[in-house]
Amino acid sequence: MVRTTGLPPALARRVVSDVMGYFVETAEEYVLRRHAELRRDGLANAKIWSLLRAELDVRPVAAPPLSERQLRRIVYG
């Protein structure tokens, strides 16, 4: 990474760590994280549930289809 991008070694390690963290995140972790981000951005839950379903469908390792009810249960228990 350092040789091909010219990034300093510390920054290259951080980039690799961030990318690896993204790919090991479970669907549940993703839903919790994104729900919190979208709420901070001021979106209403009605919009968030549809966004989350669409985003989960295009992740590198797609999650099984989750209903709005399943998404709510992940977030609120």
PDB file of N, CA and C in Angstrom:
ATOM      1  N   MET A   1       0.832  -1.182   0.000  1.00  0.00           N
ATOM      2  CA  MET A   1       0.000   0.000   0.000  1.00  0.00           C
ATOM      3  C   MET A   1       0.884   1.256   0.000  1.00  0.00           C
ATOM      4  N   VAL A   2       1.892   1.264   0.827  1.00  0.00           N
ATOM      5  CA  VAL A   2       2.784   2.428   0.905  1.00  0.00           C
ATOM      6  C   VAL A   2       3.478   2.634  -0.436  1.00  0.00           C
ATOM      7  N   ARG A   3       3.977   1.552  -1.006  1.00  0.00           N
ATOM      8  CA  ARG A   3       4.723   1.656  -2.258  1.00  0.00           C
ATOM      9  C   ARG A   3       3.823   2.076  -3.423  1.00  0.00           C
ATOM     10  N   THR A   4       2.609   1.551  -3.482  1.00  0.00           N
ATOM     11  CA  THR A   4       1.758   1.830  -4.639  1.00  0.00           C
ATOM     12  C   THR A   4       0.999   3.147  -4.534  1.00  0.00           C
ATOM     13  N   THR A   5       0.790   3.645  -3.307  1.00  0.00           N
ATOM     14  CA  THR A   5       0.024   4.886  -3.154  1.00  0.00           C
ATOM     15  C   THR A   5       0.863   6.076  -2.736  1.00  0.00           C
ATOM     16  N   GLY A   6       2.032   5.805  -2.175  1.00  0.00           N
ATOM     17  CA  GLY A   6       2.853   6.895  -1.674  1.00  0.00           C
ATOM     18  C   GLY A   6       2.408   7.422  -0.319  1.00  0.00           C
ATOM     19  N   LEU A   7       1.433   6.744   0.299  1.00  0.00           N
ATOM     20  CA  LEU A   7       0.975   7.174   1.624  1.00  0.00           C
ATOM     21  C   LEU A   7       2.051   6.881   2.668  1.00  0.00           C
ATOM     22  N   PRO A   8       2.137   7.701   3.696  1.00  0.00           N
ATOM     23  CA  PRO A   8       3.047   7.386   4.799  1.00  0.00           C
ATOM     24  C   PRO A   8       2.595   6.076   5.462  1.00  0.00           C
ATOM     25  N   PRO A   9       3.516   5.296   6.009  1.00  0.00           N
ATOM     26  CA  PRO A   9       3.164   3.998   6.594  1.00  0.00           C
ATOM     27  C   PRO A   9       2.037   4.063   7.633  1.00  0.00           C
ATOM     28  N   ALA A  10       2.036   5.044   8.507  1.00  0.00           N
ATOM     29  CA  ALA A  10       1.001   5.132   9.540  1.00  0.00           C
ATOM     30  C   ALA A  10      -0.381   5.340   8.913  1.00  0.00           C
ATOM     31  N   LEU A  11      -0.461   6.192   7.909  1.00  0.00           N
ATOM     32  CA  LEU A  11      -1.735   6.449   7.245  1.00  0.00           C
ATOM     33  C   LEU A  11      -2.185   5.226   6.447  1.00  0.00           C
ATOM     34  N   ALA A  12      -1.262   4.544   5.806  1.00  0.00           N
ATOM     35  CA  ALA A  12      -1.598   3.333   5.056  1.00  0.00           C
ATOM     36  C   ALA A  12      -2.163   2.274   5.994  1.00  0.00           C
ATOM     37  N   ARG A  13      -1.575   2.117   7.184  1.00  0.00           N
ATOM     38  CA  ARG A  13      -2.103   1.159   8.154  1.00  0.00           C
ATOM     39  C   ARG A  13      -3.521   1.523   8.569  1.00  0.00           C
ATOM     40  N   ARG A  14      -3.759   2.811   8.758  1.00  0.00           N
ATOM     41  CA  ARG A  14      -5.098   3.250   9.159  1.00  0.00           C
ATOM     42  C   ARG A  14      -6.122   2.987   8.057  1.00  0.00           C
ATOM     43  N   VAL A  15      -5.759   3.264   6.814  1.00  0.00           N
ATOM     44  CA  VAL A  15      -6.664   3.020   5.692  1.00  0.00           C
ATOM     45  C   VAL A  15      -7.003   1.529   5.611  1.00  0.00           C
ATOM     46  N   VAL A  16      -6.002   0.683   5.700  1.00  0.00           N
ATOM     47  CA  VAL A  16      -6.237  -0.765   5.639  1.00  0.00           C
ATOM     48  C   VAL A  16      -7.122  -1.193   6.802  1.00  0.00           C
ATOM     49  N   SER A  17      -6.867  -0.666   7.987  1.00  0.00           N
ATOM     50  CA  SER A  17      -7.678  -1.004   9.161  1.00  0.00           C
ATOM     51  C   SER A  17      -9.131  -0.577   8.973  1.00  0.00           C
ATOM     52  N   ASP A  18      -9.351   0.627   8.444  1.00  0.00           N
ATOM     53  CA  ASP A  18     -10.713   1.111   8.205  1.00  0.00           C
ATOM     54  C   ASP A  18     -11.452   0.243   7.186  1.00  0.00           C
ATOM     55  N   VAL A  19     -10.780  -0.126   6.117  1.00  0.00           N
ATOM     56  CA  VAL A  19     -11.399  -0.958   5.079  1.00  0.00           C
ATOM     57  C   VAL A  19     -11.720  -2.339   5.643  1.00  0.00           C
ATOM     58  N   MET A  20     -10.795  -2.917   6.371  1.00  0.00           N
ATOM     59  CA  MET A  20     -11.038  -4.234   6.962  1.00  0.00           C
ATOM     60  C   MET A  20     -12.195  -4.165   7.959  1.00  0.00           C
ATOM     61  N   GLY A  21     -12.269  -3.105   8.730  1.00  0.00           N
ATOM     62  CA  GLY A  21     -13.368  -2.926   9.671  1.00  0.00           C
ATOM     63  C   GLY A  21     -14.703  -2.871   8.977  1.00  0.00           C
ATOM     64  N   TYR A  22     -14.752  -2.237   7.840  1.00  0.00           N
ATOM     65  CA  TYR A  22     -15.992  -2.150   7.068  1.00  0.00           C
ATOM     66  C   TYR A  22     -16.454  -3.541   6.627  1.00  0.00           C
ATOM     67  N   PHE A  23     -15.520  -4.367   6.166  1.00  0.00           N
ATOM     68  CA  PHE A  23     -15.893  -5.666   5.626  1.00  0.00           C
ATOM     69  C   PHE A  23     -16.216  -6.706   6.691  1.00  0.00           C
ATOM     70  N   VAL A  24     -15.808  -6.504   7.927  1.00  0.00           N
ATOM     71  CA  VAL A  24     -16.125  -7.482   8.974  1.00  0.00           C
ATOM     72  C   VAL A  24     -17.353  -7.064   9.776  1.00  0.00           C
ATOM     73  N   GLU A  25     -17.905  -5.905   9.490  1.00  0.00           N
ATOM     74  CA  GLU A  25     -19.088  -5.418  10.195  1.00  0.00           C
ATOM     75  C   GLU A  25     -20.294  -6.299   9.842  1.00  0.00           C
ATOM     76  N   THR A  26     -20.998  -6.807  10.867  1.00  0.00           N
ATOM     77  CA  THR A  26     -22.186  -7.619  10.617  1.00  0.00           C
ATOM     78  C   THR A  26     -23.337  -6.726  10.144  1.00  0.00           C
ATOM     79  N   ALA A  27     -24.373  -7.358   9.619  1.00  0.00           N
ATOM     80  CA  ALA A  27     -25.550  -6.595   9.186  1.00  0.00           C
ATOM     81  C   ALA A  27     -26.151  -5.848  10.372  1.00  0.00           C
ATOM     82  N   GLU A  28     -26.201  -6.491  11.529  1.00  0.00           N
ATOM     83  CA  GLU A  28     -26.759  -5.846  12.717  1.00  0.00           C
ATOM     84  C   GLU A  28     -25.934  -4.636  13.135  1.00  0.00           C
ATOM     85  N   GLU A  29     -24.609  -4.781  13.126  1.00  0.00           N
ATOM     86  CA  GLU A  29     -23.733  -3.652  13.465  1.00  0.00           C
ATOM     87  C   GLU A  29     -23.909  -2.515  12.470  1.00  0.00           C
ATOM     88  N   TYR A  30     -24.019  -2.875  11.194  1.00  0.00           N
ATOM     89  CA  TYR A  30     -24.216  -1.873  10.147  1.00  0.00           C
ATOM     90  C   TYR A  30     -25.519  -1.107  10.373  1.00  0.00           C
ATOM     91  N   VAL A  31     -26.600  -1.853  10.644  1.00  0.00           N
ATOM     92  CA  VAL A  31     -27.913  -1.225  10.855  1.00  0.00           C
ATOM     93  C   VAL A  31     -27.850  -0.267  12.041  1.00  0.00           C
ATOM     94  N   LEU A  32     -27.255  -0.688  13.142  1.00  0.00           N
ATOM     95  CA  LEU A  32     -27.158   0.172  14.324  1.00  0.00           C
ATOM     96  C   LEU A  32     -26.346   1.439  14.035  1.00  0.00           C
ATOM     97  N   ARG A  33     -25.205   1.258  13.362  1.00  0.00           N
ATOM     98  CA  ARG A  33     -24.338   2.403  13.063  1.00  0.00           C
ATOM     99  C   ARG A  33     -25.022   3.375  12.108  1.00  0.00           C
ATOM    100  N   ARG A  34     -25.569   2.844  11.013  1.00  0.00           N
ATOM    101  CA  ARG A  34     -26.187   3.720  10.011  1.00  0.00           C
ATOM    102  C   ARG A  34     -27.443   4.393  10.543  1.00  0.00           C
ATOM    103  N   HIS A  35     -28.228   3.685  11.346  1.00  0.00           N
ATOM    104  CA  HIS A  35     -29.426   4.291  11.926  1.00  0.00           C
ATOM    105  C   HIS A  35     -29.023   5.503  12.756  1.00  0.00           C
ATOM    106  N   ALA A  36     -28.002   5.338  13.590  1.00  0.00           N
ATOM    107  CA  ALA A  36     -27.539   6.457  14.419  1.00  0.00           C
ATOM    108  C   ALA A  36     -27.045   7.613  13.552  1.00  0.00           C
ATOM    109  N   GLU A  37     -26.294   7.309  12.490  1.00  0.00           N
ATOM    110  CA  GLU A  37     -25.799   8.365  11.597  1.00  0.00           C
ATOM    111  C   GLU A  37     -26.955   9.102  10.929  1.00  0.00           C
ATOM    112  N   LEU A  38     -27.909   8.364  10.427  1.00  0.00           N
ATOM    113  CA  LEU A  38     -29.029   8.978   9.704  1.00  0.00           C
ATOM    114  C   LEU A  38     -29.922   9.785  10.649  1.00  0.00           C
ATOM    115  N   ARG A  39     -30.104   9.320  11.884  1.00  0.00           N
ATOM    116  CA  ARG A  39     -30.872  10.095  12.873  1.00  0.00           C
ATOM    117  C   ARG A  39     -30.153  11.404  13.197  1.00  0.00           C
ATOM    118  N   ARG A  40     -28.823  11.332  13.324  1.00  0.00           N
ATOM    119  CA  ARG A  40     -28.048  12.560  13.569  1.00  0.00           C
ATOM    120  C   ARG A  40     -28.195  13.541  12.415  1.00  0.00           C
ATOM    121  N   ASP A  41     -28.372  13.015  11.209  1.00  0.00           N
ATOM    122  CA  ASP A  41     -28.564  13.872  10.030  1.00  0.00           C
ATOM    123  C   ASP A  41     -29.982  14.416   9.936  1.00  0.00           C
ATOM    124  N   GLY A  42     -30.846  13.999  10.875  1.00  0.00           N
ATOM    125  CA  GLY A  42     -32.196  14.544  10.927  1.00  0.00           C
ATOM    126  C   GLY A  42     -33.244  13.778  10.145  1.00  0.00           C
ATOM    127  N   LEU A  43     -32.914  12.593   9.636  1.00  0.00           N
ATOM    128  CA  LEU A  43     -33.897  11.823   8.884  1.00  0.00           C
ATOM    129  C   LEU A  43     -34.894  11.162   9.824  1.00  0.00           C
ATOM    130  N   ALA A  44     -36.111  11.016   9.351  1.00  0.00           N
ATOM    131  CA  ALA A  44     -37.157  10.325  10.109  1.00  0.00           C
ATOM    132  C   ALA A  44     -37.020   8.823   9.887  1.00  0.00           C
ATOM    133  N   ASN A  45     -37.488   8.053  10.860  1.00  0.00           N
ATOM    134  CA  ASN A  45     -37.376   6.600  10.761  1.00  0.00           C
ATOM    135  C   ASN A  45     -38.039   6.050   9.506  1.00  0.00           C
ATOM    136  N   ALA A  46     -39.152   6.600   9.093  1.00  0.00           N
ATOM    137  CA  ALA A  46     -39.836   6.100   7.897  1.00  0.00           C
ATOM    138  C   ALA A  46     -38.886   6.101   6.687  1.00  0.00           C
ATOM    139  N   LYS A  47     -38.102   7.142   6.542  1.00  0.00           N
ATOM    140  CA  LYS A  47     -37.128   7.229   5.446  1.00  0.00           C
ATOM    141  C   LYS A  47     -35.922   6.325   5.714  1.00  0.00           C
ATOM    142  N   ILE A  48     -35.506   6.259   6.968  1.00  0.00           N
ATOM    143  CA  ILE A  48     -34.322   5.482   7.330  1.00  0.00           C
ATOM    144  C   ILE A  48     -34.506   4.007   7.001  1.00  0.00           C
ATOM    145  N   TRP A  49     -35.681   3.446   7.324  1.00  0.00           N
ATOM    146  CA  TRP A  49     -35.875   2.008   7.092  1.00  0.00           C
ATOM    147  C   TRP A  49     -35.733   1.675   5.605  1.00  0.00           C
ATOM    148  N   SER A  50     -36.284   2.500   4.731  1.00  0.00           N
ATOM    149  CA  SER A  50     -36.162   2.209   3.296  1.00  0.00           C
ATOM    150  C   SER A  50     -34.721   2.383   2.816  1.00  0.00           C
ATOM    151  N   LEU A  51     -34.033   3.378   3.339  1.00  0.00           N
ATOM    152  CA  LEU A  51     -32.621   3.563   2.979  1.00  0.00           C
ATOM    153  C   LEU A  51     -31.782   2.378   3.428  1.00  0.00           C
ATOM    154  N   LEU A  52     -32.004   1.926   4.649  1.00  0.00           N
ATOM    155  CA  LEU A  52     -31.228   0.799   5.170  1.00  0.00           C
ATOM    156  C   LEU A  52     -31.445  -0.464   4.336  1.00  0.00           C
ATOM    157  N   ARG A  53     -32.684  -0.733   3.977  1.00  0.00           N
ATOM    158  CA  ARG A  53     -32.954  -1.921   3.149  1.00  0.00           C
ATOM    159  C   ARG A  53     -32.221  -1.818   1.815  1.00  0.00           C
ATOM    160  N   ALA A  54     -32.241  -0.656   1.212  1.00  0.00           N
ATOM    161  CA  ALA A  54     -31.558  -0.467  -0.075  1.00  0.00           C
ATOM    162  C   ALA A  54     -30.042  -0.598   0.084  1.00  0.00           C
ATOM    163  N   GLU A  55     -29.494  -0.014   1.138  1.00  0.00           N
ATOM    164  CA  GLU A  55     -28.045  -0.085   1.360  1.00  0.00           C
ATOM    165  C   GLU A  55     -27.592  -1.513   1.645  1.00  0.00           C
ATOM    166  N   LEU A  56     -28.365  -2.256   2.424  1.00  0.00           N
ATOM    167  CA  LEU A  56     -27.986  -3.639   2.741  1.00  0.00           C
ATOM    168  C   LEU A  56     -27.946  -4.510   1.491  1.00  0.00           C
ATOM    169  N   ASP A  57     -28.798  -4.204   0.521  1.00  0.00           N
ATOM    170  CA  ASP A  57     -28.840  -4.991  -0.720  1.00  0.00           C
ATOM    171  C   ASP A  57     -27.588  -4.840  -1.569  1.00  0.00           C
ATOM    172  N   VAL A  58     -26.868  -3.732  -1.435  1.00  0.00           N
ATOM    173  CA  VAL A  58     -25.723  -3.491  -2.317  1.00  0.00           C
ATOM    174  C   VAL A  58     -24.379  -3.582  -1.604  1.00  0.00           C
ATOM    175  N   ARG A  59     -24.391  -4.026  -0.364  1.00  0.00           N
ATOM    176  CA  ARG A  59     -23.115  -4.218   0.344  1.00  0.00           C
ATOM    177  C   ARG A  59     -22.352  -5.358  -0.314  1.00  0.00           C
ATOM    178  N   PRO A  60     -21.012  -5.356  -0.177  1.00  0.00           N
ATOM    179  CA  PRO A  60     -20.216  -6.425  -0.812  1.00  0.00           C
ATOM    180  C   PRO A  60     -20.689  -7.833  -0.428  1.00  0.00           C
ATOM    181  N   VAL A  61     -21.088  -8.014   0.821  1.00  0.00           N
ATOM    182  CA  VAL A  61     -21.694  -9.272   1.247  1.00  0.00           C
ATOM    183  C   VAL A  61     -23.100  -8.903   1.695  1.00  0.00           C
ATOM    184  N   ALA A  62     -24.041  -9.087   0.797  1.00  0.00           N
ATOM    185  CA  ALA A  62     -25.404  -8.642   1.055  1.00  0.00           C
ATOM    186  C   ALA A  62     -26.025  -9.423   2.212  1.00  0.00           C
ATOM    187  N   ALA A  63     -26.769  -8.716   3.027  1.00  0.00           N
ATOM    188  CA  ALA A  63     -27.502  -9.342   4.126  1.00  0.00           C
ATOM    189  C   ALA A  63     -28.760  -9.985   3.574  1.00  0.00           C
ATOM    190  N   PRO A  64     -29.316 -10.939   4.310  1.00  0.00           N
ATOM    191  CA  PRO A  64     -30.612 -11.465   3.870  1.00  0.00           C
ATOM    192  C   PRO A  64     -31.631 -10.339   3.889  1.00  0.00           C
ATOM    193  N   PRO A  65     -32.657 -10.416   3.067  1.00  0.00           N
ATOM    194  CA  PRO A  65     -33.656  -9.345   3.056  1.00  0.00           C
ATOM    195  C   PRO A  65     -34.265  -9.165   4.452  1.00  0.00           C
ATOM    196  N   LEU A  66     -34.259  -7.938   4.948  1.00  0.00           N
ATOM    197  CA  LEU A  66     -34.814  -7.634   6.265  1.00  0.00           C
ATOM    198  C   LEU A  66     -36.029  -6.733   6.108  1.00  0.00           C
ATOM    199  N   SER A  67     -37.087  -7.067   6.815  1.00  0.00           N
ATOM    200  CA  SER A  67     -38.291  -6.241   6.780  1.00  0.00           C
ATOM    201  C   SER A  67     -38.095  -5.024   7.676  1.00  0.00           C
ATOM    202  N   GLU A  68     -38.999  -4.063   7.542  1.00  0.00           N
ATOM    203  CA  GLU A  68     -38.951  -2.891   8.417  1.00  0.00           C
ATOM    204  C   GLU A  68     -39.049  -3.327   9.879  1.00  0.00           C
ATOM    205  N   ARG A  69     -39.893  -4.290  10.141  1.00  0.00           N
ATOM    206  CA  ARG A  69     -40.054  -4.788  11.515  1.00  0.00           C
ATOM    207  C   ARG A  69     -38.739  -5.367  12.046  1.00  0.00           C
ATOM    208  N   GLN A  70     -38.035  -6.136  11.221  1.00  0.00           N
ATOM    209  CA  GLN A  70     -36.756  -6.714  11.639  1.00  0.00           C
ATOM    210  C   GLN A  70     -35.717  -5.620  11.901  1.00  0.00           C
ATOM    211  N   LEU A  71     -35.702  -4.608  11.047  1.00  0.00           N
ATOM    212  CA  LEU A  71     -34.777  -3.486  11.250  1.00  0.00           C
ATOM    213  C   LEU A  71     -35.082  -2.771  12.563  1.00  0.00           C
ATOM    214  N   ARG A  72     -36.360  -2.539  12.825  1.00  0.00           N
ATOM    215  CA  ARG A  72     -36.749  -1.877  14.087  1.00  0.00           C
ATOM    216  C   ARG A  72     -36.302  -2.709  15.294  1.00  0.00           C
ATOM    217  N   ARG A  73     -36.445  -4.019  15.192  1.00  0.00           N
ATOM    218  CA  ARG A  73     -36.059  -4.897  16.307  1.00  0.00           C
ATOM    219  C   ARG A  73     -34.559  -4.856  16.547  1.00  0.00           C
ATOM    220  N   ILE A  74     -33.770  -4.757  15.461  1.00  0.00           N
ATOM    221  CA  ILE A  74     -32.325  -4.631  15.615  1.00  0.00           C
ATOM    222  C   ILE A  74     -31.987  -3.359  16.371  1.00  0.00           C
ATOM    223  N   VAL A  75     -32.636  -2.270  16.004  1.00  0.00           N
ATOM    224  CA  VAL A  75     -32.317  -0.962  16.597  1.00  0.00           C
ATOM    225  C   VAL A  75     -32.900  -0.820  18.003  1.00  0.00           C
ATOM    226  N   TYR A  76     -34.130  -1.208  18.177  1.00  0.00           N
ATOM    227  CA  TYR A  76     -34.812  -0.936  19.445  1.00  0.00           C
ATOM    228  C   TYR A  76     -34.975  -2.154  20.345  1.00  0.00           C
ATOM    229  N   GLY A  77     -34.589  -3.315  19.844  1.00  0.00           N
ATOM    230  CA  GLY A  77     -34.671  -4.523  20.673  1.00  0.00           C
ATOM    231  C   GLY A  77     -35.988  -5.205  20.669  1.00  0.00           C
TER     232      GLY A  77
END
